[in-house]
Amino acid sequence: ISNIMLSFLFVCLALIPVLSALDDSFLVGKAICADFNHGVAEHRSAALKRPFICPQDGIAGKYCSDKFPMRNVEDIKQSNLHWNEVAFYILIGPKSKVDALLWWLQLVKEPIDMVFVADACREQSGSVSGNCTDGASAIVDRIANEHSMVRAHLVRALPSDSGYSILSCKLRTGQKLVYNMFPDRKYYFKFDTDTILFPRRLMSFLNTINSIALHGHNSPLYFGTMVESGIPQLLCKHHAAGIKWKFEEDNASICYCQGGAGYGLSNILMKHMAQNVVSCATTAPSDLPEDLFTALEVYRNFNHTVPIHCGGFRSSELVADEWFRHSISFHYIDSAWLRHHGHKLISHYHAPNGSEH
């Protein structure tokens, strides 16, 4: 009997590293994405008058196969969010291109709050100043003067946050400042200045997801698009040749919502980012892109949460009419692109049912 017991103990000890590895892979195994339209296809939106349908991109069904917790059909009630329950924020630099931003702000018909996270002020002597006049402040002043429906707020990051290579540092400070300014918002949406956004479509998407999610905005919801221009991002898979960012402590890579076209966090996730993530003033900065840094925080602290993929957050390379009609945002937009395509965007947006489909 003792020999049997010893053999059993030996097997158990031998399995410990294997079980540990399985546990790590389980945590990161959840790091795949969920197709938002999967919930719609399951008739979870039966109680909704006009659910938002994300455009078909040919990727979601293949790479975003997980499910996010949803309410039963009989428990679904039409959500009626308002813009005062959403906060927008942008990481802005002194030379940020704002043609796209100024273009879509004409579509804002109700008051919204938009926070611009700028670099710390530096006087000629090199000391840090709380207020200064620079490219970022000029942009915010222009928006405040030209767009009465936009309540533009300018906040400053820490001196330790400077540098594009450590943009996640600026993000950490920005998320803390945004949350402290608006701690009761249900959703927080981050995007870039060279992105155009269609407000009513975004609100339609938020109302749909808020209606279907198991606990609505109280769920840890993290949404955006996993792919850009129809190209799978290899970070959605386990280790493979050519993957740039690897997380050895997890022995895997992760999916993430790309930051340029925009990604959103529900209150519980934004609260975590604001209150629990250490700033770069007290810890070594990460060289991860800011959007990937956000995803990694979500996975490590809410391992049951997966990014919710919606193909409506897109890149400007996609210019077909189908995308014009169904997109929530377009990234990589400049004045030349708008001259060629802006009129068509407006036409589709103001067409019947243009706000949702």
Protein backbone atom coordinates (compact mmCIF):
# COMPACT_ATOMS: atom_id res chain seq x y z
CA ILE A 1 0.00 0.00 0.00
CA SER A 2 2.81 2.34 0.89
CA ASN A 3 4.36 1.78 -2.56
CA ILE A 4 1.03 2.63 -4.20
CA MET A 5 0.73 5.75 -2.09
CA LEU A 6 4.26 6.79 -2.94
CA SER A 7 3.60 6.23 -6.63
CA PHE A 8 0.41 8.30 -6.39
CA LEU A 9 2.28 11.09 -4.60
CA PHE A 10 5.01 11.02 -7.24
CA VAL A 11 2.43 11.36 -10.02
CA CYS A 12 0.73 14.26 -8.24
CA LEU A 13 4.02 16.08 -7.77
CA ALA A 14 4.89 15.52 -11.41
CA LEU A 15 1.55 16.98 -12.46
CA ILE A 16 1.92 20.21 -10.52
CA PRO A 17 3.81 22.07 -13.30
CA VAL A 18 1.37 20.73 -15.86
CA LEU A 19 -1.65 21.84 -13.86
CA SER A 20 -0.08 25.22 -13.30
CA ALA A 21 0.50 25.59 -17.01
CA LEU A 22 -3.07 24.57 -17.69
CA ASP A 23 -4.26 27.18 -15.23
CA ASP A 24 -2.23 29.87 -17.00
CA SER A 25 -3.49 28.78 -20.38
CA PHE A 26 -7.02 28.75 -19.02
CA LEU A 27 -6.77 32.34 -17.92
CA VAL A 28 -5.35 33.37 -21.24
CA GLY A 29 -7.52 30.84 -23.02
CA LYS A 30 -10.35 33.21 -22.17
CA ALA A 31 -8.38 35.87 -24.00
CA ILE A 32 -10.30 35.42 -27.21
CA CYS A 33 -13.09 37.56 -28.52
CA ALA A 34 -16.86 37.25 -28.61
CA ASP A 35 -18.82 38.14 -31.73
CA PHE A 36 -21.39 40.73 -30.69
CA ASN A 37 -23.78 39.62 -33.41
CA HIS A 38 -23.73 36.14 -31.91
CA GLY A 39 -26.10 37.43 -29.25
CA VAL A 40 -28.37 38.96 -31.84
CA ALA A 41 -28.41 35.70 -33.80
CA GLU A 42 -29.62 33.88 -30.71
CA HIS A 43 -32.72 36.08 -30.61
CA ARG A 44 -31.56 37.78 -27.44
CA SER A 45 -32.62 41.06 -29.03
CA ALA A 46 -36.20 39.93 -29.51
CA ALA A 47 -37.42 42.53 -27.03
CA LEU A 48 -35.57 45.36 -28.76
CA LYS A 49 -37.24 47.58 -31.31
CA ARG A 50 -34.17 48.25 -33.44
CA PRO A 51 -31.05 46.39 -32.33
CA PHE A 52 -27.75 47.51 -33.78
CA ILE A 53 -26.35 44.96 -36.22
CA CYS A 54 -22.59 45.13 -36.66
CA PRO A 55 -21.40 44.75 -40.27
CA GLN A 56 -20.23 41.34 -41.36
CA ASP A 57 -16.47 41.34 -41.70
CA GLY A 58 -15.78 37.67 -42.34
CA ILE A 59 -13.49 37.49 -39.32
CA ALA A 60 -15.74 37.46 -36.27
CA GLY A 61 -17.18 34.02 -36.89
CA LYS A 62 -13.71 32.53 -37.24
CA TYR A 63 -11.72 34.24 -34.52
CA CYS A 64 -14.39 35.59 -32.16
CA SER A 65 -16.18 32.41 -31.22
CA ASP A 66 -16.60 32.86 -27.48
CA LYS A 67 -19.84 33.97 -25.82
CA PHE A 68 -20.29 36.76 -23.35
CA PRO A 69 -22.89 36.45 -20.54
CA MET A 70 -26.28 37.60 -21.82
CA ARG A 71 -29.69 38.02 -20.31
CA ASN A 72 -32.49 35.61 -21.08
CA VAL A 73 -34.92 36.95 -23.65
CA GLU A 74 -37.66 37.42 -21.07
CA ASP A 75 -35.31 39.55 -18.94
CA ILE A 76 -34.33 41.96 -21.69
CA LYS A 77 -35.70 45.48 -21.54
CA GLN A 78 -35.00 48.27 -23.97
CA SER A 79 -32.12 50.37 -22.71
CA ASN A 80 -32.44 54.12 -23.02
CA LEU A 81 -28.99 55.54 -22.46
CA HIS A 82 -28.27 59.25 -22.81
CA TRP A 83 -25.05 61.03 -23.69
CA ASN A 84 -24.66 62.26 -20.12
CA GLU A 85 -24.03 58.60 -19.23
CA VAL A 86 -21.06 58.35 -21.61
CA ALA A 87 -17.65 60.02 -21.44
CA PHE A 88 -15.26 60.36 -24.41
CA TYR A 89 -11.52 60.71 -24.02
CA ILE A 90 -8.61 61.25 -26.40
CA LEU A 91 -4.85 61.15 -25.95
CA ILE A 92 -3.73 64.29 -27.74
CA GLY A 93 -0.31 65.68 -28.65
CA PRO A 94 0.79 69.15 -29.72
CA LYS A 95 0.87 68.04 -33.37
CA SER A 96 -2.19 65.79 -33.44
CA LYS A 97 -4.14 65.86 -36.71
CA VAL A 98 -7.72 66.92 -36.02
CA ASP A 99 -9.36 67.16 -39.46
CA ALA A 100 -11.39 64.02 -38.78
CA LEU A 101 -12.35 65.10 -35.27
CA LEU A 102 -13.58 68.53 -36.37
CA TRP A 103 -15.47 66.94 -39.27
CA TRP A 104 -17.60 64.55 -37.21
CA LEU A 105 -18.30 66.96 -34.37
CA GLN A 106 -20.80 68.60 -36.72
CA LEU A 107 -22.90 65.46 -36.24
CA VAL A 108 -23.21 65.98 -32.48
CA LYS A 109 -26.73 67.23 -31.74
CA GLU A 110 -26.83 66.76 -27.96
CA PRO A 111 -24.32 67.84 -25.30
CA ILE A 112 -21.42 65.42 -24.80
CA ASP A 113 -18.37 65.46 -22.55
CA MET A 114 -15.00 64.97 -24.22
CA VAL A 115 -11.76 64.90 -22.25
CA PHE A 116 -8.47 65.67 -23.99
CA VAL A 117 -5.44 64.17 -22.24
CA ALA A 118 -2.44 66.29 -23.20
CA ASP A 119 1.25 66.14 -22.32
CA ALA A 120 2.48 67.88 -19.20
CA CYS A 121 3.34 71.54 -19.68
CA ARG A 122 7.02 72.40 -19.78
CA GLU A 123 8.28 75.94 -19.55
CA GLN A 124 11.41 77.01 -21.36
CA SER A 125 13.40 76.43 -18.19
CA GLY A 126 12.35 72.81 -18.26
CA SER A 127 10.19 72.98 -15.15
CA VAL A 128 6.68 71.58 -15.23
CA SER A 129 3.76 73.98 -15.30
CA GLY A 130 0.11 73.16 -14.64
CA ASN A 131 -1.23 75.40 -17.41
CA CYS A 132 0.28 76.47 -20.67
CA THR A 133 -0.56 77.45 -24.21
CA ASP A 134 0.43 74.83 -26.75
CA GLY A 135 -1.00 72.93 -29.70
CA ALA A 136 -3.24 70.83 -27.48
CA SER A 137 -4.75 73.81 -25.68
CA ALA A 138 -5.31 75.56 -29.02
CA ILE A 139 -7.23 72.55 -30.33
CA VAL A 140 -9.41 72.35 -27.23
CA ASP A 141 -10.12 76.11 -27.34
CA ARG A 142 -11.10 75.84 -30.99
CA ILE A 143 -13.52 72.99 -30.32
CA ALA A 144 -15.06 74.85 -27.37
CA ASN A 145 -15.59 77.93 -29.55
CA GLU A 146 -16.87 76.19 -32.69
CA HIS A 147 -18.93 73.29 -31.31
CA SER A 148 -21.43 74.33 -28.70
CA MET A 149 -22.63 70.76 -28.07
CA VAL A 150 -19.17 69.57 -27.07
CA ARG A 151 -18.07 70.21 -23.51
CA ALA A 152 -14.31 70.02 -24.05
CA HIS A 153 -12.14 69.36 -20.99
CA LEU A 154 -8.33 69.58 -21.05
CA VAL A 155 -6.28 67.61 -18.54
CA ARG A 156 -2.53 67.14 -18.34
CA ALA A 157 -0.59 63.91 -18.00
CA LEU A 158 2.46 63.55 -15.73
CA PRO A 159 5.99 64.46 -16.88
CA SER A 160 6.87 60.75 -16.59
CA ASP A 161 4.21 59.98 -19.22
CA SER A 162 5.95 61.75 -22.09
CA GLY A 163 6.92 59.84 -25.21
CA TYR A 164 4.98 57.98 -27.87
CA SER A 165 6.87 54.76 -27.11
CA ILE A 166 5.35 54.74 -23.62
CA LEU A 167 1.88 55.92 -24.57
CA SER A 168 0.38 53.47 -22.09
CA CYS A 169 1.77 55.74 -19.34
CA LYS A 170 -0.24 58.66 -20.65
CA LEU A 171 -3.26 56.38 -20.92
CA ARG A 172 -2.99 55.34 -17.26
CA THR A 173 -2.95 58.93 -16.06
CA GLY A 174 -5.67 59.90 -18.51
CA GLN A 175 -8.03 57.13 -17.45
CA LYS A 176 -7.55 58.09 -13.81
CA LEU A 177 -8.30 61.76 -14.53
CA VAL A 178 -11.30 60.96 -16.72
CA TYR A 179 -12.80 58.59 -14.16
CA ASN A 180 -12.25 61.03 -11.30
CA MET A 181 -13.96 63.72 -13.34
CA PHE A 182 -16.91 61.50 -14.34
CA PRO A 183 -17.07 58.56 -11.87
CA ASP A 184 -20.72 57.74 -12.54
CA ARG A 185 -20.69 57.35 -16.31
CA LYS A 186 -21.85 53.97 -17.54
CA TYR A 187 -19.47 53.81 -20.50
CA TYR A 188 -16.13 55.40 -21.39
CA PHE A 189 -15.06 55.55 -25.01
CA LYS A 190 -11.48 56.16 -26.13
CA PHE A 191 -10.53 57.02 -29.74
CA ASP A 192 -7.93 58.95 -31.73
CA THR A 193 -8.10 62.43 -33.24
CA ASP A 194 -7.75 61.01 -36.78
CA THR A 195 -10.95 59.00 -36.38
CA ILE A 196 -14.44 59.95 -37.45
CA LEU A 197 -17.30 58.76 -35.30
CA PHE A 198 -21.01 58.47 -36.01
CA PRO A 199 -22.68 59.40 -32.70
CA ARG A 200 -26.15 57.96 -33.24
CA ARG A 201 -24.77 54.64 -34.41
CA LEU A 202 -22.52 54.45 -31.36
CA MET A 203 -25.49 55.17 -29.10
CA SER A 204 -27.54 52.53 -30.89
CA PHE A 205 -24.73 50.01 -30.31
CA LEU A 206 -24.43 51.00 -26.63
CA ASN A 207 -28.17 50.66 -26.07
CA THR A 208 -28.18 47.24 -27.71
CA ILE A 209 -25.27 45.88 -25.75
CA ASN A 210 -26.56 47.48 -22.55
CA SER A 211 -29.89 45.70 -23.07
CA ILE A 212 -28.45 42.28 -23.84
CA ALA A 213 -25.49 42.01 -21.43
CA LEU A 214 -26.24 39.95 -18.34
CA HIS A 215 -25.93 42.87 -15.93
CA GLY A 216 -26.02 45.70 -18.44
CA HIS A 217 -23.51 48.45 -17.78
CA ASN A 218 -22.69 46.78 -14.44
CA SER A 219 -21.06 43.96 -16.41
CA PRO A 220 -17.31 44.17 -17.14
CA LEU A 221 -17.83 45.10 -20.80
CA TYR A 222 -14.88 45.75 -23.09
CA PHE A 223 -15.71 46.31 -26.76
CA GLY A 224 -14.24 47.39 -30.07
CA THR A 225 -12.80 45.55 -33.05
CA MET A 226 -10.21 42.79 -32.95
CA VAL A 227 -9.13 43.25 -36.55
CA GLU A 228 -8.47 46.12 -38.89
CA SER A 229 -8.95 46.11 -42.64
CA GLY A 230 -9.95 42.44 -42.43
CA ILE A 231 -6.47 41.34 -41.36
CA PRO A 232 -6.37 39.00 -38.34
CA GLN A 233 -4.12 40.28 -35.59
CA LEU A 234 -1.95 37.36 -34.52
CA LEU A 235 -2.18 38.50 -30.93
CA CYS A 236 -5.51 36.69 -30.83
CA LYS A 237 -3.75 33.33 -30.92
CA HIS A 238 -1.30 31.41 -28.77
CA HIS A 239 2.40 31.72 -29.44
CA ALA A 240 3.31 31.57 -33.10
CA ALA A 241 6.20 32.74 -35.20
CA GLY A 242 6.11 36.42 -35.91
CA ILE A 243 4.17 37.53 -32.83
CA LYS A 244 5.81 40.65 -31.49
CA TRP A 245 4.39 40.86 -27.98
CA LYS A 246 4.58 37.77 -25.81
CA PHE A 247 3.67 37.45 -22.18
CA GLU A 248 5.92 34.82 -20.73
CA GLU A 249 4.15 34.83 -17.37
CA ASP A 250 0.98 33.73 -19.17
CA ASN A 251 2.72 31.69 -21.87
CA ALA A 252 0.35 33.05 -24.48
CA SER A 253 -0.71 36.11 -26.42
CA ILE A 254 -4.01 37.94 -26.26
CA CYS A 255 -6.70 39.59 -28.32
CA TYR A 256 -7.25 43.31 -27.84
CA CYS A 257 -9.56 46.05 -29.06
CA GLN A 258 -7.63 48.38 -31.33
CA GLY A 259 -7.42 51.87 -29.94
CA GLY A 260 -7.42 54.08 -33.02
CA ALA A 261 -10.94 53.34 -34.24
CA GLY A 262 -12.10 53.33 -30.63
CA TYR A 263 -12.77 50.97 -27.76
CA GLY A 264 -15.08 51.21 -24.79
CA LEU A 265 -15.07 50.18 -21.16
CA SER A 266 -18.01 49.87 -18.81
CA ASN A 267 -17.82 51.62 -15.45
CA ILE A 268 -16.44 48.66 -13.49
CA LEU A 269 -13.50 48.27 -15.88
CA MET A 270 -12.75 51.99 -16.05
CA LYS A 271 -12.87 52.15 -12.26
CA HIS A 272 -10.24 49.42 -12.09
CA MET A 273 -8.01 51.20 -14.60
CA ALA A 274 -8.31 54.44 -12.62
CA GLN A 275 -7.89 53.11 -9.10
CA ASN A 276 -5.71 50.02 -9.34
CA VAL A 277 -3.26 50.57 -12.21
CA VAL A 278 0.02 52.06 -11.03
CA SER A 279 1.28 55.16 -12.84
CA CYS A 280 4.65 55.33 -14.55
CA ALA A 281 5.78 57.84 -11.92
CA THR A 282 6.21 54.95 -9.49
CA THR A 283 6.84 51.96 -11.74
CA ALA A 284 8.76 51.15 -14.88
CA PRO A 285 6.86 52.10 -18.04
CA SER A 286 5.54 49.45 -20.37
CA ASP A 287 6.51 49.43 -24.03
CA LEU A 288 3.16 47.91 -24.97
CA PRO A 289 0.80 49.98 -27.12
CA GLU A 290 -1.86 51.63 -25.01
CA ASP A 291 -4.70 49.53 -26.42
CA LEU A 292 -2.85 46.29 -25.80
CA PHE A 293 -1.95 47.47 -22.29
CA THR A 294 -5.66 47.98 -21.55
CA ALA A 295 -6.49 44.50 -22.80
CA LEU A 296 -3.80 42.93 -20.64
CA GLU A 297 -5.17 44.67 -17.55
CA VAL A 298 -8.66 43.42 -18.36
CA TYR A 299 -7.48 39.84 -18.76
CA ARG A 300 -5.38 39.76 -15.63
CA ASN A 301 -8.05 41.22 -13.39
CA PHE A 302 -11.30 40.12 -15.03
CA ASN A 303 -10.30 36.80 -16.57
CA HIS A 304 -13.89 35.87 -17.33
CA THR A 305 -14.18 38.90 -19.60
CA VAL A 306 -13.48 38.72 -23.31
CA PRO A 307 -13.42 41.60 -25.78
CA ILE A 308 -16.72 42.02 -27.56
CA HIS A 309 -15.99 42.31 -31.25
CA CYS A 310 -18.03 44.60 -33.49
CA GLY A 311 -16.81 45.16 -37.03
CA GLY A 312 -18.32 48.64 -36.99
CA PHE A 313 -15.10 50.18 -35.66
CA ARG A 314 -13.03 50.23 -38.83
CA SER A 315 -10.11 51.60 -40.81
CA SER A 316 -10.31 54.07 -43.69
CA GLU A 317 -9.08 51.48 -46.18
CA LEU A 318 -12.61 50.10 -46.23
CA VAL A 319 -14.56 52.50 -48.41
CA ALA A 320 -17.27 50.34 -49.94
CA ASP A 321 -20.87 51.53 -49.63
CA GLU A 322 -21.62 48.61 -47.33
CA TRP A 323 -19.13 49.87 -44.79
CA PHE A 324 -20.35 53.45 -45.08
CA ARG A 325 -23.82 52.31 -44.11
CA HIS A 326 -22.87 50.12 -41.18
CA SER A 327 -19.78 51.64 -39.57
CA ILE A 328 -19.61 53.30 -36.17
CA SER A 329 -16.17 54.79 -36.79
CA PHE A 330 -13.36 55.06 -39.34
CA HIS A 331 -9.70 55.40 -38.36
CA TYR A 332 -6.76 56.92 -40.28
CA ILE A 333 -8.74 59.84 -41.72
CA ASP A 334 -7.18 63.00 -43.11
CA SER A 335 -8.46 65.99 -45.07
CA ALA A 336 -7.72 64.37 -48.45
CA TRP A 337 -9.71 61.26 -47.53
CA LEU A 338 -12.63 63.42 -46.38
CA ARG A 339 -12.63 65.37 -49.64
CA HIS A 340 -13.06 62.12 -51.56
CA HIS A 341 -15.48 60.31 -49.26
CA GLY A 342 -16.98 62.77 -46.78
CA HIS A 343 -20.07 63.57 -48.86
CA LYS A 344 -20.93 59.88 -49.16
CA LEU A 345 -20.53 59.37 -45.44
CA ILE A 346 -22.93 62.21 -44.73
CA SER A 347 -25.39 60.92 -47.32
CA HIS A 348 -25.51 57.45 -45.74
CA TYR A 349 -25.64 58.83 -42.21
CA HIS A 350 -28.66 61.03 -42.89
CA ALA A 351 -30.48 58.45 -45.03
CA PRO A 352 -33.55 56.69 -43.57
CA ASN A 353 -32.39 54.23 -40.90
CA GLY A 354 -28.91 55.65 -41.26
CA SER A 355 -28.48 55.98 -37.52
CA GLU A 356 -28.66 52.26 -36.90
CA HIS A 357 -28.02 50.37 -40.14
